[in-house]
């Protein structure tokens, strides 16, 4: 049981989409170290299985759930599988894609793919989980569950040649607030995170921190101009823990000071 931490999530079940790499993988490992049972979703079977192996290697419990989040039926089947492992306490809807494309050269199929994965992928999985989560039998002074969504710093401060990506992520901020208002009465919190420049495979498998550090020209933390997936996982863990039970409807930056609103 090496590397197991304080087990702040002991007994919890978490479903994480896009957990085959990057922020999703880092969060899956963090959750497992804290005692959670983790359902590891990704469209990449190899990546999902590798995350599961990494968790088992540290004494954690995890199960792969291969599915394309943009496929509504596949998401339903994935959530059914997840609930076979236990009632979901935490949903981290993290799966997404990113790209740079000049607006006038962006074809509809690019916009369609971006929104199907980044936005509707969250809608599909959140709907399937919330409809079960809102019916959970828990003590009157406890939450029924937590929903955490990966938006982006680009949702708040869009960059040139990122119109489709920025718009899809801004839609997630609006979705977060709306769901928080609607399901707060069901004792479900909903928050989203807005990462800045984080070293993940989204930029390319061979990308280095040196290549990314001046990407947007807004570096503010000189000692760490580019974040690691673990920096984001730390915030997601906080939002998943009981320390954040009075926080809902928020879009929280993890940008190293690049964005202040």
Protein backbone atom coordinates (compact mmCIF):
# COMPACT_ATOMS: atom_id res chain seq x y z
CA UNK A 1 0.00 0.00 0.00
CA UNK A 2 2.89 2.36 -0.69
CA UNK A 3 2.20 5.99 -1.56
CA UNK A 4 -1.32 5.95 -0.13
CA UNK A 5 -1.95 9.37 1.47
CA UNK A 6 -4.44 10.54 4.09
CA UNK A 7 -7.37 8.70 2.51
CA UNK A 8 -9.63 11.73 2.60
CA UNK A 9 -11.78 10.03 -0.06
CA UNK A 10 -11.88 6.60 1.56
CA UNK A 11 -15.09 4.79 0.64
CA UNK A 12 -15.88 7.18 -2.21
CA UNK A 13 -16.46 6.17 -5.82
CA UNK A 14 -15.26 8.55 -8.53
CA UNK A 15 -15.88 8.51 -12.28
CA UNK A 16 -13.29 10.46 -14.26
CA UNK A 17 -13.62 10.98 -18.01
CA UNK A 18 -10.53 11.53 -20.11
CA UNK A 19 -8.41 9.82 -17.45
CA UNK A 20 -6.05 8.06 -19.85
CA UNK A 21 -3.53 10.91 -19.74
CA UNK A 22 -2.80 14.42 -18.53
CA UNK A 23 -5.05 16.07 -15.94
CA UNK A 24 -7.47 13.14 -15.85
CA UNK A 25 -4.71 10.63 -15.12
CA UNK A 26 -3.07 12.84 -12.48
CA UNK A 27 -6.44 13.29 -10.76
CA UNK A 28 -7.28 9.58 -10.94
CA UNK A 29 -3.99 8.76 -9.23
CA UNK A 30 -4.52 11.47 -6.60
CA UNK A 31 -8.03 10.23 -5.86
CA UNK A 32 -6.79 6.66 -5.55
CA UNK A 33 -4.03 7.73 -3.16
CA UNK A 34 -6.75 9.34 -1.07
CA UNK A 35 -8.68 6.08 -0.90
CA UNK A 36 -11.28 6.46 -3.65
CA UNK A 37 -12.35 3.69 -6.00
CA UNK A 38 -11.81 5.17 -9.48
CA UNK A 39 -13.63 4.43 -12.72
CA UNK A 40 -11.13 5.43 -15.42
CA UNK A 41 -12.79 6.50 -18.66
CA UNK A 42 -11.06 7.28 -21.91
CA UNK A 43 -11.60 6.65 -25.59
CA UNK A 44 -7.97 5.46 -25.66
CA UNK A 45 -8.02 1.93 -24.27
CA UNK A 46 -4.25 1.78 -23.89
CA UNK A 47 -4.17 5.04 -21.95
CA UNK A 48 -7.03 4.04 -19.67
CA UNK A 49 -5.46 0.66 -18.93
CA UNK A 50 -2.13 2.30 -18.16
CA UNK A 51 -3.81 4.65 -15.65
CA UNK A 52 -5.53 1.68 -14.02
CA UNK A 53 -2.20 -0.15 -13.80
CA UNK A 54 -0.52 2.90 -12.22
CA UNK A 55 -3.27 3.03 -9.59
CA UNK A 56 -3.07 -0.67 -8.82
CA UNK A 57 0.71 -0.39 -8.53
CA UNK A 58 0.27 2.00 -5.58
CA UNK A 59 -2.32 -0.21 -3.92
CA UNK A 60 -5.41 1.59 -5.20
CA UNK A 61 -8.60 0.28 -6.78
CA UNK A 62 -9.53 1.24 -10.35
CA UNK A 63 -11.49 -0.05 -13.33
CA UNK A 64 -11.19 0.94 -17.02
CA UNK A 65 -14.31 2.16 -18.81
CA UNK A 66 -13.61 2.68 -22.50
CA UNK A 67 -16.11 5.00 -24.18
CA UNK A 68 -16.36 7.99 -26.50
CA UNK A 69 -18.05 10.70 -24.42
CA UNK A 70 -19.49 12.31 -27.56
CA UNK A 71 -21.57 9.17 -28.13
CA UNK A 72 -24.71 9.39 -25.99
CA UNK A 73 -25.41 5.66 -25.97
CA UNK A 74 -21.79 4.82 -25.13
CA UNK A 75 -21.96 7.23 -22.19
CA UNK A 76 -25.12 5.56 -20.87
CA UNK A 77 -23.43 2.17 -20.99
CA UNK A 78 -20.30 3.55 -19.32
CA UNK A 79 -22.27 5.07 -16.45
CA UNK A 80 -24.22 1.84 -16.03
CA UNK A 81 -20.89 0.02 -15.72
CA UNK A 82 -19.61 2.59 -13.22
CA UNK A 83 -22.66 2.14 -11.00
CA UNK A 84 -22.04 -1.60 -10.93
CA UNK A 85 -18.91 -0.71 -8.94
CA UNK A 86 -20.84 1.46 -6.48
CA UNK A 87 -22.84 4.65 -6.23
CA UNK A 88 -20.87 7.54 -7.70
CA UNK A 89 -19.92 10.20 -5.16
CA UNK A 90 -17.74 12.28 -7.49
CA UNK A 91 -17.96 12.91 -11.21
CA UNK A 92 -14.98 14.63 -12.78
CA UNK A 93 -16.11 15.41 -16.34
CA UNK A 94 -12.70 16.12 -17.79
CA UNK A 95 -12.54 14.65 -21.30
CA UNK A 96 -11.89 17.22 -23.99
CA UNK A 97 -9.85 18.22 -27.01
CA UNK A 98 -8.09 21.41 -28.02
CA UNK A 99 -6.68 22.91 -31.18
CA UNK A 100 -5.67 26.15 -32.88
CA UNK A 101 -7.52 27.14 -36.02
CA UNK A 102 -7.99 30.56 -37.70
CA UNK A 103 -11.68 31.49 -37.57
CA UNK A 104 -12.13 31.98 -41.32
CA UNK A 105 -10.59 28.60 -42.01
CA UNK A 106 -12.57 26.71 -39.38
CA UNK A 107 -15.05 24.42 -41.10
CA UNK A 108 -18.32 23.42 -39.47
CA UNK A 109 -17.15 19.84 -38.92
CA UNK A 110 -14.37 21.23 -36.71
CA UNK A 111 -16.88 23.25 -34.64
CA UNK A 112 -19.18 20.25 -34.50
CA UNK A 113 -16.46 17.91 -33.23
CA UNK A 114 -15.24 20.45 -30.67
CA UNK A 115 -18.71 20.91 -29.17
CA UNK A 116 -19.64 17.23 -29.35
CA UNK A 117 -16.63 16.27 -27.25
CA UNK A 118 -15.98 19.31 -25.05
CA UNK A 119 -19.57 20.36 -24.34
CA UNK A 120 -22.02 17.57 -25.13
CA UNK A 121 -19.61 14.99 -23.73
CA UNK A 122 -20.07 16.72 -20.37
CA UNK A 123 -23.82 17.11 -20.83
CA UNK A 124 -24.26 13.40 -21.55
CA UNK A 125 -22.24 12.10 -18.61
CA UNK A 126 -23.53 14.72 -16.14
CA UNK A 127 -27.14 13.91 -17.03
CA UNK A 128 -26.67 10.17 -16.56
CA UNK A 129 -24.94 10.62 -13.22
CA UNK A 130 -27.12 13.39 -11.79
CA UNK A 131 -30.39 11.58 -12.46
CA UNK A 132 -29.13 8.80 -10.18
CA UNK A 133 -27.19 10.97 -7.75
CA UNK A 134 -30.19 13.19 -6.92
CA UNK A 135 -32.08 10.15 -5.60
CA UNK A 136 -29.37 8.93 -3.22
CA UNK A 137 -30.40 8.26 0.36
CA UNK A 138 -28.01 10.20 2.57
CA UNK A 139 -28.39 12.00 5.94
CA UNK A 140 -30.12 15.37 5.68
CA UNK A 141 -26.94 17.25 6.58
CA UNK A 142 -24.80 15.63 3.87
CA UNK A 143 -24.29 16.19 0.17
CA UNK A 144 -25.49 13.59 -2.30
CA UNK A 145 -22.51 14.13 -4.57
CA UNK A 146 -20.11 16.41 -6.37
CA UNK A 147 -19.77 17.28 -10.04
CA UNK A 148 -16.51 18.84 -11.25
CA UNK A 149 -16.07 19.96 -14.86
CA UNK A 150 -12.92 20.87 -16.76
CA UNK A 151 -13.42 24.16 -18.58
CA UNK A 152 -10.37 26.30 -19.43
CA UNK A 153 -8.69 29.62 -18.85
CA UNK A 154 -9.61 30.22 -22.48
CA UNK A 155 -13.27 30.30 -21.40
CA UNK A 156 -12.54 33.53 -19.51
CA UNK A 157 -9.77 34.98 -21.64
CA UNK A 158 -10.07 33.58 -25.17
CA UNK A 159 -7.04 33.69 -27.44
CA UNK A 160 -6.75 34.33 -31.16
CA UNK A 161 -7.26 31.30 -33.37
CA UNK A 162 -9.03 29.43 -30.56
CA UNK A 163 -12.62 30.49 -31.23
CA UNK A 164 -14.15 27.00 -31.32
CA UNK A 165 -12.24 25.76 -28.29
CA UNK A 166 -12.85 28.93 -26.27
CA UNK A 167 -16.57 28.93 -27.08
CA UNK A 168 -16.98 25.26 -26.14
CA UNK A 169 -15.26 25.85 -22.80
CA UNK A 170 -17.17 29.07 -22.08
CA UNK A 171 -20.35 27.07 -22.57
CA UNK A 172 -19.18 24.76 -19.79
CA UNK A 173 -18.86 27.68 -17.37
CA UNK A 174 -22.47 28.61 -18.09
CA UNK A 175 -23.53 24.98 -17.74
CA UNK A 176 -21.76 24.74 -14.38
CA UNK A 177 -23.58 27.73 -12.93
CA UNK A 178 -26.95 26.58 -14.26
CA UNK A 179 -26.55 23.05 -12.88
CA UNK A 180 -25.34 24.38 -9.53
CA UNK A 181 -28.48 26.50 -9.21
CA UNK A 182 -30.79 23.71 -10.32
CA UNK A 183 -29.36 20.84 -8.26
CA UNK A 184 -28.20 22.65 -5.16
CA UNK A 185 -31.62 21.90 -3.71
CA UNK A 186 -30.82 18.23 -4.29
CA UNK A 187 -27.60 18.70 -2.29
CA UNK A 188 -25.28 18.30 -5.28
CA UNK A 189 -22.45 20.77 -5.79
CA UNK A 190 -21.27 21.65 -9.29
CA UNK A 191 -18.03 23.51 -9.99
CA UNK A 192 -15.65 23.84 -12.88
CA UNK A 193 -11.92 24.37 -13.13
CA UNK A 194 -10.22 26.68 -15.60
CA UNK A 195 -6.65 25.49 -16.23
CA UNK A 196 -4.11 27.70 -17.96
CA UNK A 197 -1.06 26.39 -19.77
CA UNK A 198 -0.57 22.88 -18.42
CA UNK A 199 1.91 20.37 -19.84
CA UNK A 200 -0.46 17.71 -21.19
CA UNK A 201 -0.66 15.62 -24.38
CA UNK A 202 -3.24 18.08 -25.73
CA UNK A 203 -0.32 20.15 -27.01
CA UNK A 204 1.39 17.11 -28.53
CA UNK A 205 3.20 14.17 -27.01
CA UNK A 206 6.65 15.68 -27.67
CA UNK A 207 5.87 19.17 -26.37
CA UNK A 208 8.18 20.54 -23.67
CA UNK A 209 7.65 23.15 -20.98
CA UNK A 210 10.20 25.37 -22.71
CA UNK A 211 8.08 25.40 -25.86
CA UNK A 212 4.93 26.24 -23.90
CA UNK A 213 6.16 28.88 -21.48
CA UNK A 214 5.63 31.87 -23.79
CA UNK A 215 2.58 30.45 -25.54
CA UNK A 216 0.25 33.31 -24.66
CA UNK A 217 2.67 35.93 -23.43
CA UNK A 218 1.00 36.20 -20.01
CA UNK A 219 3.41 34.36 -17.73
CA UNK A 220 3.19 35.67 -14.16
CA UNK A 221 4.85 33.03 -11.99
CA UNK A 222 8.44 33.21 -13.13
CA UNK A 223 9.50 30.15 -11.17
CA UNK A 224 6.77 28.07 -12.81
CA UNK A 225 5.50 29.51 -16.10
CA UNK A 226 3.89 26.19 -17.13
CA UNK A 227 1.79 24.04 -14.84
CA UNK A 228 1.85 20.28 -14.34
CA UNK A 229 -1.24 18.05 -14.38
CA UNK A 230 -0.71 17.50 -10.66
CA UNK A 231 -1.20 21.23 -10.04
CA UNK A 232 -4.72 20.89 -11.44
CA UNK A 233 -5.34 17.57 -9.68
CA UNK A 234 -4.70 19.31 -6.35
CA UNK A 235 -7.63 21.67 -6.99
CA UNK A 236 -9.89 18.89 -8.22
CA UNK A 237 -9.14 16.92 -5.06
CA UNK A 238 -10.06 19.94 -2.93
CA UNK A 239 -13.37 20.28 -4.77
CA UNK A 240 -13.98 16.54 -4.32
CA UNK A 241 -13.20 16.64 -0.60
CA UNK A 242 -15.45 17.72 2.26
CA UNK A 243 -13.37 20.91 2.63
CA UNK A 244 -15.30 22.39 -0.32
CA UNK A 245 -18.83 21.42 0.71
CA UNK A 246 -19.95 25.08 0.80
CA UNK A 247 -18.57 25.87 -2.67
CA UNK A 248 -20.78 25.53 -5.73
CA UNK A 249 -21.34 27.24 -9.06
CA UNK A 250 -17.75 28.46 -9.28
CA UNK A 251 -15.27 28.56 -12.16
CA UNK A 252 -11.88 28.42 -10.48
CA UNK A 253 -8.63 29.33 -12.24
CA UNK A 254 -5.47 27.22 -12.14
CA UNK A 255 -3.37 29.50 -14.31
CA UNK A 256 -0.33 30.59 -12.33
CA UNK A 257 -1.74 34.12 -12.15
CA UNK A 258 -2.35 34.50 -15.88
CA UNK A 259 -6.05 35.23 -15.40
CA UNK A 260 -7.54 37.26 -12.55
CA UNK A 261 -11.29 37.08 -13.13
